[in-house]
Amino acid sequence: DYEQGGEVSVNLSRLYNYMLRQMIGINVRQDTSMYGHLIHMLSELKEAWEQIRHDAATAPPLPTSVQGSRRWQASA
């Protein structure tokens, strides 16, 4: 959601597109040497998402006035 995510959404989209293009190139050239780089990038991204999930799960609840103004709620 680019409206809610702003710059983060744009950057994630660019990152995902980059990785997809790299995987397509690997398949076309039959050159698996770049897989290690992509796996490393995906591992770091996975760790970041896991940290966000952990932080959201352990954060104190938002005040009711803030909760009502949000158009989305994080799911655990």
N, C-alpha and C. Protein backbone atom coordinates (compact mmCIF):
# COMPACT_ATOMS: atom_id res chain seq x y z
N ASP A 1 0.85 -1.17 0.00
CA ASP A 1 0.00 0.00 0.00
C ASP A 1 0.91 1.24 0.00
N TYR A 2 1.06 1.84 -1.15
CA TYR A 2 1.95 2.99 -1.27
C TYR A 2 1.43 4.20 -0.50
N GLU A 3 0.12 4.32 -0.35
CA GLU A 3 -0.44 5.46 0.38
C GLU A 3 -0.08 5.39 1.86
N GLN A 4 -0.24 4.22 2.46
CA GLN A 4 0.07 4.06 3.88
C GLN A 4 1.57 3.90 4.12
N GLY A 5 2.24 3.18 3.23
CA GLY A 5 3.64 2.85 3.45
C GLY A 5 4.63 3.91 3.01
N GLY A 6 4.19 4.79 2.13
CA GLY A 6 5.05 5.87 1.67
C GLY A 6 6.38 5.39 1.11
N GLU A 7 7.44 6.01 1.56
CA GLU A 7 8.78 5.73 1.05
C GLU A 7 9.21 4.28 1.32
N VAL A 8 8.80 3.73 2.45
CA VAL A 8 9.14 2.34 2.76
C VAL A 8 8.54 1.41 1.71
N SER A 9 7.29 1.64 1.34
CA SER A 9 6.64 0.81 0.32
C SER A 9 7.36 0.91 -1.02
N VAL A 10 7.74 2.10 -1.39
CA VAL A 10 8.44 2.31 -2.66
C VAL A 10 9.78 1.58 -2.64
N ASN A 11 10.53 1.73 -1.55
CA ASN A 11 11.83 1.07 -1.45
C ASN A 11 11.71 -0.44 -1.45
N LEU A 12 10.71 -0.98 -0.75
CA LEU A 12 10.51 -2.43 -0.75
C LEU A 12 10.15 -2.92 -2.15
N SER A 13 9.31 -2.18 -2.84
CA SER A 13 8.94 -2.55 -4.20
C SER A 13 10.17 -2.58 -5.10
N ARG A 14 11.02 -1.58 -4.98
CA ARG A 14 12.25 -1.55 -5.78
C ARG A 14 13.16 -2.73 -5.44
N LEU A 15 13.26 -3.05 -4.15
CA LEU A 15 14.10 -4.17 -3.73
C LEU A 15 13.56 -5.49 -4.28
N TYR A 16 12.26 -5.71 -4.14
CA TYR A 16 11.65 -6.94 -4.64
C TYR A 16 11.81 -7.05 -6.16
N ASN A 17 11.62 -5.93 -6.87
CA ASN A 17 11.80 -5.95 -8.32
C ASN A 17 13.24 -6.25 -8.71
N TYR A 18 14.19 -5.67 -7.98
CA TYR A 18 15.60 -5.96 -8.24
C TYR A 18 15.88 -7.45 -8.08
N MET A 19 15.41 -8.01 -6.98
CA MET A 19 15.68 -9.43 -6.73
C MET A 19 15.00 -10.31 -7.78
N LEU A 20 13.81 -9.95 -8.19
CA LEU A 20 13.12 -10.71 -9.22
C LEU A 20 13.89 -10.66 -10.54
N ARG A 21 14.37 -9.48 -10.91
CA ARG A 21 15.17 -9.35 -12.15
C ARG A 21 16.44 -10.18 -12.06
N GLN A 22 17.07 -10.19 -10.88
CA GLN A 22 18.28 -10.98 -10.71
C GLN A 22 17.98 -12.47 -10.86
N MET A 23 16.87 -12.94 -10.29
CA MET A 23 16.51 -14.35 -10.41
C MET A 23 16.21 -14.73 -11.86
N ILE A 24 15.55 -13.84 -12.58
CA ILE A 24 15.29 -14.09 -14.00
C ILE A 24 16.60 -14.18 -14.76
N GLY A 25 17.52 -13.26 -14.48
CA GLY A 25 18.83 -13.29 -15.13
C GLY A 25 19.60 -14.55 -14.82
N ILE A 26 19.53 -15.01 -13.59
CA ILE A 26 20.20 -16.25 -13.20
C ILE A 26 19.65 -17.41 -14.02
N ASN A 27 18.33 -17.46 -14.17
CA ASN A 27 17.72 -18.54 -14.94
C ASN A 27 18.06 -18.46 -16.42
N VAL A 28 18.06 -17.26 -16.97
CA VAL A 28 18.37 -17.10 -18.40
C VAL A 28 19.81 -17.48 -18.69
N ARG A 29 20.73 -17.03 -17.86
CA ARG A 29 22.17 -17.28 -18.09
C ARG A 29 22.63 -18.61 -17.52
N GLN A 30 21.75 -19.26 -16.76
CA GLN A 30 22.13 -20.51 -16.10
C GLN A 30 23.38 -20.30 -15.23
N ASP A 31 23.43 -19.13 -14.58
CA ASP A 31 24.57 -18.75 -13.73
C ASP A 31 24.08 -18.63 -12.29
N THR A 32 24.36 -19.63 -11.50
CA THR A 32 23.86 -19.66 -10.12
C THR A 32 24.76 -18.92 -9.13
N SER A 33 25.79 -18.27 -9.61
CA SER A 33 26.73 -17.60 -8.70
C SER A 33 26.08 -16.45 -7.91
N MET A 34 25.01 -15.88 -8.41
CA MET A 34 24.36 -14.76 -7.73
C MET A 34 23.37 -15.21 -6.67
N TYR A 35 23.06 -16.50 -6.61
CA TYR A 35 22.09 -16.96 -5.62
C TYR A 35 22.53 -16.63 -4.19
N GLY A 36 23.79 -16.76 -3.90
CA GLY A 36 24.29 -16.47 -2.55
C GLY A 36 23.98 -15.04 -2.14
N HIS A 37 24.19 -14.10 -3.06
CA HIS A 37 23.91 -12.68 -2.81
C HIS A 37 22.42 -12.47 -2.53
N LEU A 38 21.57 -13.09 -3.34
CA LEU A 38 20.13 -12.94 -3.16
C LEU A 38 19.66 -13.59 -1.86
N ILE A 39 20.20 -14.74 -1.54
CA ILE A 39 19.83 -15.41 -0.29
C ILE A 39 20.22 -14.54 0.90
N HIS A 40 21.39 -13.93 0.83
CA HIS A 40 21.84 -13.03 1.90
C HIS A 40 20.87 -11.85 2.05
N MET A 41 20.49 -11.24 0.93
CA MET A 41 19.56 -10.11 0.98
C MET A 41 18.22 -10.53 1.56
N LEU A 42 17.71 -11.67 1.11
CA LEU A 42 16.42 -12.15 1.61
C LEU A 42 16.49 -12.51 3.09
N SER A 43 17.60 -13.05 3.53
CA SER A 43 17.76 -13.38 4.95
C SER A 43 17.73 -12.12 5.81
N GLU A 44 18.40 -11.07 5.36
CA GLU A 44 18.38 -9.81 6.10
C GLU A 44 16.97 -9.21 6.13
N LEU A 45 16.28 -9.30 5.01
CA LEU A 45 14.92 -8.77 4.94
C LEU A 45 13.99 -9.57 5.86
N LYS A 46 14.15 -10.88 5.88
CA LYS A 46 13.35 -11.73 6.76
C LYS A 46 13.59 -11.37 8.22
N GLU A 47 14.85 -11.16 8.59
CA GLU A 47 15.17 -10.77 9.97
C GLU A 47 14.51 -9.44 10.32
N ALA A 48 14.52 -8.51 9.39
CA ALA A 48 13.90 -7.20 9.65
C ALA A 48 12.39 -7.35 9.86
N TRP A 49 11.72 -8.16 9.02
CA TRP A 49 10.28 -8.38 9.20
C TRP A 49 10.00 -9.07 10.53
N GLU A 50 10.84 -10.03 10.89
CA GLU A 50 10.65 -10.72 12.18
C GLU A 50 10.82 -9.75 13.34
N GLN A 51 11.76 -8.83 13.25
CA GLN A 51 11.97 -7.85 14.30
C GLN A 51 10.77 -6.92 14.40
N ILE A 52 10.23 -6.52 13.26
CA ILE A 52 9.04 -5.66 13.26
C ILE A 52 7.87 -6.39 13.91
N ARG A 53 7.71 -7.65 13.56
CA ARG A 53 6.62 -8.44 14.16
C ARG A 53 6.80 -8.56 15.67
N HIS A 54 8.03 -8.83 16.10
CA HIS A 54 8.31 -8.94 17.53
C HIS A 54 8.03 -7.62 18.24
N ASP A 55 8.52 -6.52 17.66
CA ASP A 55 8.31 -5.20 18.27
C ASP A 55 6.82 -4.87 18.37
N ALA A 56 6.05 -5.21 17.34
CA ALA A 56 4.62 -4.93 17.36
C ALA A 56 3.91 -5.78 18.41
N ALA A 57 4.36 -7.02 18.57
CA ALA A 57 3.72 -7.92 19.54
C ALA A 57 4.03 -7.52 20.98
N THR A 58 5.18 -6.91 21.21
CA THR A 58 5.57 -6.56 22.58
C THR A 58 5.34 -5.10 22.93
N ALA A 59 4.89 -4.31 21.96
CA ALA A 59 4.65 -2.88 22.22
C ALA A 59 3.41 -2.71 23.08
N PRO A 60 3.40 -1.68 23.90
CA PRO A 60 2.19 -1.42 24.69
C PRO A 60 1.04 -1.04 23.75
N PRO A 61 -0.19 -1.31 24.15
CA PRO A 61 -1.33 -0.99 23.28
C PRO A 61 -1.41 0.51 23.02
N LEU A 62 -1.90 0.84 21.84
CA LEU A 62 -2.10 2.24 21.49
C LEU A 62 -3.31 2.79 22.22
N PRO A 63 -3.31 4.07 22.53
CA PRO A 63 -4.51 4.67 23.12
C PRO A 63 -5.68 4.52 22.15
N THR A 64 -6.88 4.42 22.68
CA THR A 64 -8.07 4.22 21.87
C THR A 64 -8.20 5.28 20.79
N SER A 65 -7.86 6.52 21.09
CA SER A 65 -7.99 7.61 20.11
C SER A 65 -7.08 7.38 18.91
N VAL A 66 -5.92 6.79 19.12
CA VAL A 66 -4.99 6.51 18.02
C VAL A 66 -5.46 5.29 17.24
N GLN A 67 -5.95 4.26 17.93
CA GLN A 67 -6.41 3.05 17.26
C GLN A 67 -7.54 3.36 16.30
N GLY A 68 -8.46 4.21 16.71
CA GLY A 68 -9.60 4.54 15.87
C GLY A 68 -9.23 5.32 14.63
N SER A 69 -8.10 6.02 14.64
CA SER A 69 -7.71 6.82 13.48
C SER A 69 -6.96 6.02 12.44
N ARG A 70 -6.57 4.79 12.76
CA ARG A 70 -5.83 3.97 11.81
C ARG A 70 -6.78 3.28 10.86
N ARG A 71 -6.36 3.17 9.58
CA ARG A 71 -7.17 2.47 8.60
C ARG A 71 -6.81 1.00 8.54
N TRP A 72 -5.73 0.60 9.19
CA TRP A 72 -5.32 -0.80 9.19
C TRP A 72 -4.81 -1.13 10.57
N GLN A 73 -4.79 -2.39 10.87
CA GLN A 73 -4.26 -2.88 12.14
C GLN A 73 -3.27 -3.99 11.81
N ALA A 74 -2.15 -4.00 12.48
CA ALA A 74 -1.16 -5.07 12.28
C ALA A 74 -1.73 -6.37 12.82
N SER A 75 -1.51 -7.44 12.08
CA SER A 75 -1.98 -8.73 12.56
C SER A 75 -0.80 -9.50 13.14
N ALA A 76 -1.06 -10.22 14.18
CA ALA A 76 0.00 -10.98 14.85
C ALA A 76 0.15 -12.34 14.24
